[in-house]
Amino acid sequence: FGVRSVRLADAWGTRELQLCTKPVPPSPAARLFFEHLSSQSMA
C-alpha cells in the first residue's frame, strides 16, 4: 500500500486479547479447544 506503521507509545496502545466462553463450555470438543487455546502463552 506504500504506507508506514508507527507504534503508539501510550501504555494503552498495547491491548489485551481475551478468550471467553460460558462458565462451562457447551461440549467436550469446545472444552478441549478452549483448553488448547488458553494453554498458549500470552505474547
PDB file of all heavy atoms in Angstrom:
ATOM      1  N   PHE A   1       0.810  -1.216   0.000  1.00  0.00           N
ATOM      2  CA  PHE A   1       0.000   0.000   0.000  1.00  0.00           C
ATOM      3  C   PHE A   1       0.849   1.275   0.000  1.00  0.00           C
ATOM      4  O   PHE A   1       0.303   2.369  -0.131  1.00  0.00           O
ATOM      5  CB  PHE A   1      -0.936   0.009   1.220  1.00  0.00           C
ATOM      6  CG  PHE A   1      -2.186  -0.803   1.056  1.00  0.00           C
ATOM      7  CD1 PHE A   1      -2.162  -2.180   1.218  1.00  0.00           C
ATOM      8  CD2 PHE A   1      -3.390  -0.204   0.726  1.00  0.00           C
ATOM      9  CE1 PHE A   1      -3.308  -2.939   1.068  1.00  0.00           C
ATOM     10  CE2 PHE A   1      -4.544  -0.957   0.578  1.00  0.00           C
ATOM     11  CZ  PHE A   1      -4.510  -2.327   0.740  1.00  0.00           C
ATOM     12  N   GLY A   2       2.164   1.141   0.188  1.00  0.00           N
ATOM     13  CA  GLY A   2       3.004   2.327   0.243  1.00  0.00           C
ATOM     14  C   GLY A   2       2.728   3.164   1.468  1.00  0.00           C
ATOM     15  O   GLY A   2       2.640   4.401   1.394  1.00  0.00           O
ATOM     16  N   VAL A   3       2.555   2.505   2.637  1.00  0.00           N
ATOM     17  CA  VAL A   3       2.277   3.205   3.884  1.00  0.00           C
ATOM     18  C   VAL A   3       3.283   2.747   4.938  1.00  0.00           C
ATOM     19  O   VAL A   3       4.017   1.776   4.749  1.00  0.00           O
ATOM     20  CB  VAL A   3       0.831   2.948   4.366  1.00  0.00           C
ATOM     21  CG1 VAL A   3      -0.178   3.548   3.404  1.00  0.00           C
ATOM     22  CG2 VAL A   3       0.578   1.454   4.550  1.00  0.00           C
ATOM     23  N   ARG A   4       3.312   3.443   6.058  1.00  0.00           N
ATOM     24  CA  ARG A   4       4.181   3.108   7.175  1.00  0.00           C
ATOM     25  C   ARG A   4       3.352   2.862   8.441  1.00  0.00           C
ATOM     26  O   ARG A   4       2.266   3.427   8.591  1.00  0.00           O
ATOM     27  CB  ARG A   4       5.173   4.243   7.443  1.00  0.00           C
ATOM     28  CG  ARG A   4       6.177   4.481   6.321  1.00  0.00           C
ATOM     29  CD  ARG A   4       7.209   3.370   6.251  1.00  0.00           C
ATOM     30  NE  ARG A   4       8.223   3.645   5.244  1.00  0.00           N
ATOM     31  CZ  ARG A   4       9.365   4.290   5.517  1.00  0.00           C
ATOM     32  NH1 ARG A   4       9.607   4.724   6.743  1.00  0.00           N
ATOM     33  NH2 ARG A   4      10.238   4.497   4.550  1.00  0.00           N
ATOM     34  N   SER A   5       3.898   2.054   9.328  1.00  0.00           N
ATOM     35  CA  SER A   5       3.282   1.778  10.625  1.00  0.00           C
ATOM     36  C   SER A   5       4.167   2.347  11.722  1.00  0.00           C
ATOM     37  O   SER A   5       5.354   2.022  11.798  1.00  0.00           O
ATOM     38  CB  SER A   5       3.125   0.260  10.817  1.00  0.00           C
ATOM     39  OG  SER A   5       2.609  -0.038  12.108  1.00  0.00           O
ATOM     40  N   VAL A   6       3.600   3.209  12.549  1.00  0.00           N
ATOM     41  CA  VAL A   6       4.331   3.819  13.663  1.00  0.00           C
ATOM     42  C   VAL A   6       3.594   3.455  14.953  1.00  0.00           C
ATOM     43  O   VAL A   6       2.451   3.856  15.149  1.00  0.00           O
ATOM     44  CB  VAL A   6       4.413   5.356  13.519  1.00  0.00           C
ATOM     45  CG1 VAL A   6       5.234   5.949  14.657  1.00  0.00           C
ATOM     46  CG2 VAL A   6       4.976   5.739  12.160  1.00  0.00           C
ATOM     47  N   ARG A   7       4.241   2.685  15.804  1.00  0.00           N
ATOM     48  CA  ARG A   7       3.567   2.172  17.009  1.00  0.00           C
ATOM     49  C   ARG A   7       3.222   3.299  17.975  1.00  0.00           C
ATOM     50  O   ARG A   7       3.995   4.241  18.157  1.00  0.00           O
ATOM     51  CB  ARG A   7       4.447   1.141  17.709  1.00  0.00           C
ATOM     52  CG  ARG A   7       3.774   0.463  18.886  1.00  0.00           C
ATOM     53  CD  ARG A   7       4.625  -0.632  19.497  1.00  0.00           C
ATOM     54  NE  ARG A   7       4.745  -1.775  18.602  1.00  0.00           N
ATOM     55  CZ  ARG A   7       5.331  -2.918  18.968  1.00  0.00           C
ATOM     56  NH1 ARG A   7       5.860  -3.050  20.179  1.00  0.00           N
ATOM     57  NH2 ARG A   7       5.398  -3.925  18.121  1.00  0.00           N
ATOM     58  N   LEU A   8       2.045   3.212  18.601  1.00  0.00           N
ATOM     59  CA  LEU A   8       1.666   4.177  19.623  1.00  0.00           C
ATOM     60  C   LEU A   8       2.512   3.961  20.874  1.00  0.00           C
ATOM     61  O   LEU A   8       2.684   2.826  21.334  1.00  0.00           O
ATOM     62  CB  LEU A   8       0.187   4.031  19.977  1.00  0.00           C
ATOM     63  CG  LEU A   8      -0.825   4.717  19.057  1.00  0.00           C
ATOM     64  CD1 LEU A   8      -2.246   4.432  19.537  1.00  0.00           C
ATOM     65  CD2 LEU A   8      -0.600   6.229  19.010  1.00  0.00           C
ATOM     66  N   ALA A   9       3.029   5.050  21.441  1.00  0.00           N
ATOM     67  CA  ALA A   9       3.876   4.969  22.621  1.00  0.00           C
ATOM     68  C   ALA A   9       3.068   4.953  23.915  1.00  0.00           C
ATOM     69  O   ALA A   9       3.603   4.594  24.971  1.00  0.00           O
ATOM     70  CB  ALA A   9       4.854   6.140  22.640  1.00  0.00           C
ATOM     71  N   ASP A  10       1.799   5.305  23.865  1.00  0.00           N
ATOM     72  CA  ASP A  10       0.966   5.316  25.064  1.00  0.00           C
ATOM     73  C   ASP A  10       0.832   3.907  25.629  1.00  0.00           C
ATOM     74  O   ASP A  10       0.753   2.920  24.881  1.00  0.00           O
ATOM     75  CB  ASP A  10      -0.423   5.857  24.738  1.00  0.00           C
ATOM     76  CG  ASP A  10      -0.367   7.218  24.090  1.00  0.00           C
ATOM     77  OD1 ASP A  10      -0.079   7.276  22.870  1.00  0.00           O
ATOM     78  OD2 ASP A  10      -0.594   8.221  24.775  1.00  0.00           O
ATOM     79  N   ALA A  11       0.778   3.801  26.971  1.00  0.00           N
ATOM     80  CA  ALA A  11       0.664   2.487  27.614  1.00  0.00           C
ATOM     81  C   ALA A  11      -0.571   1.742  27.143  1.00  0.00           C
ATOM     82  O   ALA A  11      -0.549   0.514  26.968  1.00  0.00           O
ATOM     83  CB  ALA A  11       0.651   2.658  29.132  1.00  0.00           C
ATOM     84  N   TRP A  12      -1.659   2.477  26.914  1.00  0.00           N
ATOM     85  CA  TRP A  12      -2.900   1.818  26.487  1.00  0.00           C
ATOM     86  C   TRP A  12      -2.848   1.361  25.028  1.00  0.00           C
ATOM     87  O   TRP A  12      -3.757   0.693  24.546  1.00  0.00           O
ATOM     88  CB  TRP A  12      -4.118   2.724  26.704  1.00  0.00           C
ATOM     89  CG  TRP A  12      -4.021   4.106  26.133  1.00  0.00           C
ATOM     90  CD1 TRP A  12      -3.702   5.252  26.790  1.00  0.00           C
ATOM     91  CD2 TRP A  12      -4.251   4.506  24.767  1.00  0.00           C
ATOM     92  NE1 TRP A  12      -3.714   6.341  25.941  1.00  0.00           N
ATOM     93  CE2 TRP A  12      -4.051   5.902  24.690  1.00  0.00           C
ATOM     94  CE3 TRP A  12      -4.603   3.819  23.606  1.00  0.00           C
ATOM     95  CZ2 TRP A  12      -4.198   6.620  23.510  1.00  0.00           C
ATOM     96  CZ3 TRP A  12      -4.744   4.522  22.424  1.00  0.00           C
ATOM     97  CH2 TRP A  12      -4.546   5.901  22.384  1.00  0.00           C
ATOM     98  N   GLY A  13      -1.749   1.702  24.330  1.00  0.00           N
ATOM     99  CA  GLY A  13      -1.601   1.265  22.942  1.00  0.00           C
ATOM    100  C   GLY A  13      -1.386  -0.226  22.808  1.00  0.00           C
ATOM    101  O   GLY A  13      -1.545  -0.785  21.719  1.00  0.00           O
ATOM    102  N   THR A  14      -1.005  -0.880  23.912  1.00  0.00           N
ATOM    103  CA  THR A  14      -0.930  -2.341  23.923  1.00  0.00           C
ATOM    104  C   THR A  14      -2.244  -2.869  24.471  1.00  0.00           C
ATOM    105  O   THR A  14      -2.600  -2.600  25.621  1.00  0.00           O
ATOM    106  CB  THR A  14       0.238  -2.837  24.798  1.00  0.00           C
ATOM    107  OG1 THR A  14       1.459  -2.372  24.241  1.00  0.00           O
ATOM    108  CG2 THR A  14       0.261  -4.359  24.849  1.00  0.00           C
ATOM    109  N   ARG A  15      -2.994  -3.584  23.653  1.00  0.00           N
ATOM    110  CA  ARG A  15      -4.312  -4.101  24.029  1.00  0.00           C
ATOM    111  C   ARG A  15      -4.209  -5.576  24.379  1.00  0.00           C
ATOM    112  O   ARG A  15      -3.457  -6.331  23.769  1.00  0.00           O
ATOM    113  CB  ARG A  15      -5.317  -3.950  22.885  1.00  0.00           C
ATOM    114  CG  ARG A  15      -5.410  -2.578  22.287  1.00  0.00           C
ATOM    115  CD  ARG A  15      -6.534  -2.511  21.276  1.00  0.00           C
ATOM    116  NE  ARG A  15      -6.416  -3.520  20.232  1.00  0.00           N
ATOM    117  CZ  ARG A  15      -7.373  -3.826  19.361  1.00  0.00           C
ATOM    118  NH1 ARG A  15      -8.535  -3.210  19.437  1.00  0.00           N
ATOM    119  NH2 ARG A  15      -7.186  -4.736  18.435  1.00  0.00           N
ATOM    120  N   GLU A  16      -4.975  -5.969  25.366  1.00  0.00           N
ATOM    121  CA  GLU A  16      -5.020  -7.382  25.728  1.00  0.00           C
ATOM    122  C   GLU A  16      -6.183  -8.063  25.012  1.00  0.00           C
ATOM    123  O   GLU A  16      -7.298  -7.537  24.960  1.00  0.00           O
ATOM    124  CB  GLU A  16      -5.187  -7.545  27.243  1.00  0.00           C
ATOM    125  CG  GLU A  16      -4.064  -6.922  28.061  1.00  0.00           C
ATOM    126  CD  GLU A  16      -2.702  -7.476  27.689  1.00  0.00           C
ATOM    127  OE1 GLU A  16      -2.610  -8.666  27.323  1.00  0.00           O
ATOM    128  OE2 GLU A  16      -1.719  -6.715  27.767  1.00  0.00           O
ATOM    129  N   LEU A  17      -5.908  -9.215  24.441  1.00  0.00           N
ATOM    130  CA  LEU A  17      -6.947 -10.054  23.859  1.00  0.00           C
ATOM    131  C   LEU A  17      -7.287 -11.152  24.859  1.00  0.00           C
ATOM    132  O   LEU A  17      -6.398 -11.702  25.509  1.00  0.00           O
ATOM    133  CB  LEU A  17      -6.480 -10.667  22.541  1.00  0.00           C
ATOM    134  CG  LEU A  17      -6.158  -9.694  21.406  1.00  0.00           C
ATOM    135  CD1 LEU A  17      -5.684 -10.464  20.176  1.00  0.00           C
ATOM    136  CD2 LEU A  17      -7.352  -8.819  21.058  1.00  0.00           C
ATOM    137  N   GLN A  18      -8.565 -11.444  24.975  1.00  0.00           N
ATOM    138  CA  GLN A  18      -9.028 -12.436  25.936  1.00  0.00           C
ATOM    139  C   GLN A  18      -9.812 -13.536  25.230  1.00  0.00           C
ATOM    140  O   GLN A  18     -10.528 -13.285  24.254  1.00  0.00           O
ATOM    141  CB  GLN A  18      -9.937 -11.774  26.978  1.00  0.00           C
ATOM    142  CG  GLN A  18      -9.265 -10.713  27.826  1.00  0.00           C
ATOM    143  CD  GLN A  18      -8.692 -11.283  29.111  1.00  0.00           C
ATOM    144  OE1 GLN A  18      -9.329 -12.078  29.793  1.00  0.00           O
ATOM    145  NE2 GLN A  18      -7.483 -10.855  29.459  1.00  0.00           N
ATOM    146  N   LEU A  19      -9.660 -14.739  25.742  1.00  0.00           N
ATOM    147  CA  LEU A  19     -10.550 -15.838  25.370  1.00  0.00           C
ATOM    148  C   LEU A  19     -11.774 -15.754  26.255  1.00  0.00           C
ATOM    149  O   LEU A  19     -11.667 -15.405  27.442  1.00  0.00           O
ATOM    150  CB  LEU A  19      -9.885 -17.192  25.629  1.00  0.00           C
ATOM    151  CG  LEU A  19      -8.820 -17.688  24.672  1.00  0.00           C
ATOM    152  CD1 LEU A  19      -8.122 -18.896  25.287  1.00  0.00           C
ATOM    153  CD2 LEU A  19      -9.444 -18.050  23.345  1.00  0.00           C
ATOM    154  N   CYS A  20     -12.924 -16.082  25.726  1.00  0.00           N
ATOM    155  CA  CYS A  20     -14.101 -16.132  26.582  1.00  0.00           C
ATOM    156  C   CYS A  20     -14.998 -17.301  26.193  1.00  0.00           C
ATOM    157  O   CYS A  20     -15.003 -17.752  25.043  1.00  0.00           O
ATOM    158  CB  CYS A  20     -14.882 -14.818  26.545  1.00  0.00           C
ATOM    159  SG  CYS A  20     -15.676 -14.433  24.964  1.00  0.00           S
ATOM    160  N   THR A  21     -15.715 -17.793  27.159  1.00  0.00           N
ATOM    161  CA  THR A  21     -16.692 -18.843  26.948  1.00  0.00           C
ATOM    162  C   THR A  21     -17.704 -18.748  28.076  1.00  0.00           C
ATOM    163  O   THR A  21     -17.554 -17.912  28.985  1.00  0.00           O
ATOM    164  CB  THR A  21     -16.022 -20.237  26.927  1.00  0.00           C
ATOM    165  OG1 THR A  21     -16.988 -21.220  26.567  1.00  0.00           O
ATOM    166  CG2 THR A  21     -15.436 -20.595  28.287  1.00  0.00           C
ATOM    167  N   LYS A  22     -18.729 -19.553  28.039  1.00  0.00           N
ATOM    168  CA  LYS A  22     -19.622 -19.640  29.173  1.00  0.00           C
ATOM    169  C   LYS A  22     -18.884 -20.343  30.304  1.00  0.00           C
ATOM    170  O   LYS A  22     -17.866 -21.011  30.078  1.00  0.00           O
ATOM    171  CB  LYS A  22     -20.902 -20.384  28.791  1.00  0.00           C
ATOM    172  CG  LYS A  22     -21.830 -19.551  27.920  1.00  0.00           C
ATOM    173  CD  LYS A  22     -23.200 -20.189  27.822  1.00  0.00           C
ATOM    174  CE  LYS A  22     -24.185 -19.239  27.143  1.00  0.00           C
ATOM    175  NZ  LYS A  22     -25.541 -19.805  27.067  1.00  0.00           N
ATOM    176  N   PRO A  23     -19.361 -20.223  31.556  1.00  0.00           N
ATOM    177  CA  PRO A  23     -18.652 -20.870  32.671  1.00  0.00           C
ATOM    178  C   PRO A  23     -18.318 -22.332  32.408  1.00  0.00           C
ATOM    179  O   PRO A  23     -17.272 -22.814  32.825  1.00  0.00           O
ATOM    180  CB  PRO A  23     -19.629 -20.704  33.836  1.00  0.00           C
ATOM    181  CG  PRO A  23     -20.339 -19.422  33.516  1.00  0.00           C
ATOM    182  CD  PRO A  23     -20.492 -19.419  32.018  1.00  0.00           C
ATOM    183  N   VAL A  24     -19.191 -23.032  31.698  1.00  0.00           N
ATOM    184  CA  VAL A  24     -18.899 -24.402  31.269  1.00  0.00           C
ATOM    185  C   VAL A  24     -19.062 -24.443  29.762  1.00  0.00           C
ATOM    186  O   VAL A  24     -20.169 -24.281  29.251  1.00  0.00           O
ATOM    187  CB  VAL A  24     -19.850 -25.425  31.918  1.00  0.00           C
ATOM    188  CG1 VAL A  24     -19.539 -26.827  31.401  1.00  0.00           C
ATOM    189  CG2 VAL A  24     -19.734 -25.385  33.436  1.00  0.00           C
ATOM    190  N   PRO A  25     -17.954 -24.634  29.004  1.00  0.00           N
ATOM    191  CA  PRO A  25     -18.089 -24.722  27.549  1.00  0.00           C
ATOM    192  C   PRO A  25     -19.103 -25.796  27.173  1.00  0.00           C
ATOM    193  O   PRO A  25     -19.213 -26.818  27.849  1.00  0.00           O
ATOM    194  CB  PRO A  25     -16.677 -25.094  27.089  1.00  0.00           C
ATOM    195  CG  PRO A  25     -15.786 -24.548  28.162  1.00  0.00           C
ATOM    196  CD  PRO A  25     -16.556 -24.746  29.435  1.00  0.00           C
ATOM    197  N   PRO A  26     -19.875 -25.591  26.099  1.00  0.00           N
ATOM    198  CA  PRO A  26     -21.060 -26.399  25.842  1.00  0.00           C
ATOM    199  C   PRO A  26     -20.818 -27.820  25.363  1.00  0.00           C
ATOM    200  O   PRO A  26     -21.756 -28.596  25.294  1.00  0.00           O
ATOM    201  CB  PRO A  26     -21.793 -25.595  24.765  1.00  0.00           C
ATOM    202  CG  PRO A  26     -20.722 -24.797  24.101  1.00  0.00           C
ATOM    203  CD  PRO A  26     -19.731 -24.487  25.158  1.00  0.00           C
ATOM    204  N   SER A  27     -19.624 -28.216  25.012  1.00  0.00           N
ATOM    205  CA  SER A  27     -19.395 -29.565  24.510  1.00  0.00           C
ATOM    206  C   SER A  27     -17.970 -29.980  24.831  1.00  0.00           C
ATOM    207  O   SER A  27     -17.098 -29.126  25.045  1.00  0.00           O
ATOM    208  CB  SER A  27     -19.621 -29.629  22.999  1.00  0.00           C
ATOM    209  OG  SER A  27     -18.591 -28.917  22.323  1.00  0.00           O
ATOM    210  N   PRO A  28     -17.698 -31.290  24.865  1.00  0.00           N
ATOM    211  CA  PRO A  28     -16.319 -31.743  25.079  1.00  0.00           C
ATOM    212  C   PRO A  28     -15.350 -31.171  24.045  1.00  0.00           C
ATOM    213  O   PRO A  28     -14.231 -30.802  24.384  1.00  0.00           O
ATOM    214  CB  PRO A  28     -16.433 -33.264  24.964  1.00  0.00           C
ATOM    215  CG  PRO A  28     -17.824 -33.563  25.403  1.00  0.00           C
ATOM    216  CD  PRO A  28     -18.645 -32.420  24.866  1.00  0.00           C
ATOM    217  N   ALA A  29     -15.781 -31.088  22.779  1.00  0.00           N
ATOM    218  CA  ALA A  29     -14.909 -30.525  21.746  1.00  0.00           C
ATOM    219  C   ALA A  29     -14.582 -29.070  22.055  1.00  0.00           C
ATOM    220  O   ALA A  29     -13.438 -28.631  21.907  1.00  0.00           O
ATOM    221  CB  ALA A  29     -15.578 -30.652  20.383  1.00  0.00           C
ATOM    222  N   ALA A  30     -15.602 -28.289  22.476  1.00  0.00           N
ATOM    223  CA  ALA A  30     -15.364 -26.883  22.814  1.00  0.00           C
ATOM    224  C   ALA A  30     -14.469 -26.762  24.043  1.00  0.00           C
ATOM    225  O   ALA A  30     -13.608 -25.888  24.110  1.00  0.00           O
ATOM    226  CB  ALA A  30     -16.697 -26.177  23.048  1.00  0.00           C
ATOM    227  N   ARG A  31     -14.662 -27.646  25.028  1.00  0.00           N
ATOM    228  CA  ARG A  31     -13.818 -27.601  26.220  1.00  0.00           C
ATOM    229  C   ARG A  31     -12.365 -27.890  25.862  1.00  0.00           C
ATOM    230  O   ARG A  31     -11.445 -27.206  26.326  1.00  0.00           O
ATOM    231  CB  ARG A  31     -14.322 -28.603  27.264  1.00  0.00           C
ATOM    232  CG  ARG A  31     -15.648 -28.214  27.895  1.00  0.00           C
ATOM    233  CD  ARG A  31     -15.892 -28.969  29.191  1.00  0.00           C
ATOM    234  NE  ARG A  31     -16.063 -30.401  28.996  1.00  0.00           N
ATOM    235  CZ  ARG A  31     -17.227 -31.000  28.760  1.00  0.00           C
ATOM    236  NH1 ARG A  31     -18.326 -30.265  28.657  1.00  0.00           N
ATOM    237  NH2 ARG A  31     -17.304 -32.308  28.616  1.00  0.00           N
ATOM    238  N   LEU A  32     -12.145 -28.896  25.018  1.00  0.00           N
ATOM    239  CA  LEU A  32     -10.784 -29.225  24.608  1.00  0.00           C
ATOM    240  C   LEU A  32     -10.149 -28.084  23.818  1.00  0.00           C
ATOM    241  O   LEU A  32      -8.967 -27.772  23.990  1.00  0.00           O
ATOM    242  CB  LEU A  32     -10.781 -30.505  23.762  1.00  0.00           C
ATOM    243  CG  LEU A  32     -10.974 -31.816  24.511  1.00  0.00           C
ATOM    244  CD1 LEU A  32     -11.169 -32.964  23.527  1.00  0.00           C
ATOM    245  CD2 LEU A  32      -9.794 -32.105  25.431  1.00  0.00           C
ATOM    246  N   PHE A  33     -10.944 -27.454  22.947  1.00  0.00           N
ATOM    247  CA  PHE A  33     -10.416 -26.367  22.135  1.00  0.00           C
ATOM    248  C   PHE A  33     -10.092 -25.151  23.000  1.00  0.00           C
ATOM    249  O   PHE A  33      -9.069 -24.483  22.812  1.00  0.00           O
ATOM    250  CB  PHE A  33     -11.398 -26.008  21.031  1.00  0.00           C
ATOM    251  CG  PHE A  33     -10.863 -25.033  20.022  1.00  0.00           C
ATOM    252  CD1 PHE A  33      -9.592 -25.195  19.480  1.00  0.00           C
ATOM    253  CD2 PHE A  33     -11.620 -23.958  19.606  1.00  0.00           C
ATOM    254  CE1 PHE A  33      -9.086 -24.300  18.549  1.00  0.00           C
ATOM    255  CE2 PHE A  33     -11.128 -23.060  18.674  1.00  0.00           C
ATOM    256  CZ  PHE A  33      -9.855 -23.234  18.150  1.00  0.00           C
ATOM    257  N   PHE A  34     -10.952 -24.858  23.960  1.00  0.00           N
ATOM    258  CA  PHE A  34     -10.699 -23.741  24.869  1.00  0.00           C
ATOM    259  C   PHE A  34      -9.414 -23.986  25.658  1.00  0.00           C
ATOM    260  O   PHE A  34      -8.581 -23.087  25.819  1.00  0.00           O
ATOM    261  CB  PHE A  34     -11.882 -23.551  25.820  1.00  0.00           C
ATOM    262  CG  PHE A  34     -11.749 -22.353  26.716  1.00  0.00           C
ATOM    263  CD1 PHE A  34     -12.087 -21.088  26.264  1.00  0.00           C
ATOM    264  CD2 PHE A  34     -11.271 -22.471  28.018  1.00  0.00           C
ATOM    265  CE1 PHE A  34     -11.955 -19.970  27.079  1.00  0.00           C
ATOM    266  CE2 PHE A  34     -11.136 -21.365  28.838  1.00  0.00           C
ATOM    267  CZ  PHE A  34     -11.483 -20.110  28.370  1.00  0.00           C
ATOM    268  N   GLU A  35      -9.241 -25.216  26.161  1.00  0.00           N
ATOM    269  CA  GLU A  35      -8.024 -25.557  26.897  1.00  0.00           C
ATOM    270  C   GLU A  35      -6.790 -25.443  25.998  1.00  0.00           C
ATOM    271  O   GLU A  35      -5.727 -24.991  26.434  1.00  0.00           O
ATOM    272  CB  GLU A  35      -8.138 -26.966  27.470  1.00  0.00           C
ATOM    273  CG  GLU A  35      -9.171 -27.080  28.586  1.00  0.00           C
ATOM    274  CD  GLU A  35      -9.484 -28.519  28.947  1.00  0.00           C
ATOM    275  OE1 GLU A  35      -8.856 -29.428  28.346  1.00  0.00           O
ATOM    276  OE2 GLU A  35     -10.353 -28.735  29.801  1.00  0.00           O
ATOM    277  N   HIS A  36      -6.944 -25.838  24.745  1.00  0.00           N
ATOM    278  CA  HIS A  36      -5.835 -25.759  23.783  1.00  0.00           C
ATOM    279  C   HIS A  36      -5.412 -24.298  23.583  1.00  0.00           C
ATOM    280  O   HIS A  36      -4.218 -23.975  23.622  1.00  0.00           O
ATOM    281  CB  HIS A  36      -6.274 -26.371  22.459  1.00  0.00           C
ATOM    282  CG  HIS A  36      -5.305 -26.170  21.336  1.00  0.00           C
ATOM    283  ND1 HIS A  36      -4.125 -26.886  21.211  1.00  0.00           N
ATOM    284  CD2 HIS A  36      -5.337 -25.319  20.270  1.00  0.00           C
ATOM    285  CE1 HIS A  36      -3.477 -26.494  20.135  1.00  0.00           C
ATOM    286  NE2 HIS A  36      -4.187 -25.547  19.539  1.00  0.00           N
ATOM    287  N   LEU A  37      -6.385 -23.412  23.383  1.00  0.00           N
ATOM    288  CA  LEU A  37      -6.067 -22.006  23.155  1.00  0.00           C
ATOM    289  C   LEU A  37      -5.524 -21.341  24.418  1.00  0.00           C
ATOM    290  O   LEU A  37      -4.576 -20.553  24.362  1.00  0.00           O
ATOM    291  CB  LEU A  37      -7.304 -21.253  22.661  1.00  0.00           C
ATOM    292  CG  LEU A  37      -7.825 -21.619  21.270  1.00  0.00           C
ATOM    293  CD1 LEU A  37      -9.109 -20.852  20.961  1.00  0.00           C
ATOM    294  CD2 LEU A  37      -6.783 -21.352  20.195  1.00  0.00           C
ATOM    295  N   SER A  38      -6.139 -21.654  25.559  1.00  0.00           N
ATOM    296  CA  SER A  38      -5.722 -20.993  26.798  1.00  0.00           C
ATOM    297  C   SER A  38      -4.345 -21.438  27.256  1.00  0.00           C
ATOM    298  O   SER A  38      -3.687 -20.753  28.040  1.00  0.00           O
ATOM    299  CB  SER A  38      -6.754 -21.240  27.910  1.00  0.00           C
ATOM    300  OG  SER A  38      -6.871 -22.621  28.196  1.00  0.00           O
ATOM    301  N   SER A  39      -3.887 -22.586  26.765  1.00  0.00           N
ATOM    302  CA  SER A  39      -2.566 -23.067  27.136  1.00  0.00           C
ATOM    303  C   SER A  39      -1.451 -22.327  26.406  1.00  0.00           C
ATOM    304  O   SER A  39      -0.289 -22.415  26.773  1.00  0.00           O
ATOM    305  CB  SER A  39      -2.443 -24.569  26.856  1.00  0.00           C
ATOM    306  OG  SER A  39      -2.455 -24.819  25.460  1.00  0.00           O
ATOM    307  N   GLN A  40      -1.833 -21.596  25.361  1.00  0.00           N
ATOM    308  CA  GLN A  40      -0.827 -20.828  24.610  1.00  0.00           C
ATOM    309  C   GLN A  40      -0.416 -19.607  25.440  1.00  0.00           C
ATOM    310  O   GLN A  40      -1.245 -18.922  26.004  1.00  0.00           O
ATOM    311  CB  GLN A  40      -1.386 -20.379  23.257  1.00  0.00           C
ATOM    312  CG  GLN A  40      -2.014 -21.495  22.441  1.00  0.00           C
ATOM    313  CD  GLN A  40      -1.026 -22.605  22.138  1.00  0.00           C
ATOM    314  OE1 GLN A  40       0.080 -22.355  21.681  1.00  0.00           O
ATOM    315  NE2 GLN A  40      -1.430 -23.831  22.393  1.00  0.00           N
ATOM    316  N   SER A  41       0.862 -19.349  25.514  1.00  0.00           N
ATOM    317  CA  SER A  41       1.359 -18.237  26.326  1.00  0.00           C
ATOM    318  C   SER A  41       0.981 -16.908  25.688  1.00  0.00           C
ATOM    319  O   SER A  41       0.917 -16.781  24.470  1.00  0.00           O
ATOM    320  CB  SER A  41       2.883 -18.320  26.471  1.00  0.00           C
ATOM    321  OG  SER A  41       3.498 -18.269  25.203  1.00  0.00           O
ATOM    322  N   MET A  42       0.705 -15.915  26.538  1.00  0.00           N
ATOM    323  CA  MET A  42       0.441 -14.566  26.044  1.00  0.00           C
ATOM    324  C   MET A  42       1.708 -14.010  25.424  1.00  0.00           C
ATOM    325  O   MET A  42       2.804 -14.198  25.915  1.00  0.00           O
ATOM    326  CB  MET A  42      -0.009 -13.654  27.184  1.00  0.00           C
ATOM    327  CG  MET A  42      -1.420 -13.931  27.684  1.00  0.00           C
ATOM    328  SD  MET A  42      -1.933 -12.684  28.858  1.00  0.00           S
ATOM    329  CE  MET A  42      -1.969 -11.250  27.806  1.00  0.00           C
ATOM    330  N   ALA A  43       1.552 -13.318  24.310  1.00  0.00           N
ATOM    331  CA  ALA A  43       2.715 -12.725  23.652  1.00  0.00           C
ATOM    332  C   ALA A  43       2.278 -11.549  22.810  1.00  0.00           C
ATOM    333  O   ALA A  43       1.180 -11.535  22.268  1.00  0.00           O
ATOM    334  CB  ALA A  43       3.417 -13.765  22.776  1.00  0.00           C
TER     335      ALA A  43
END
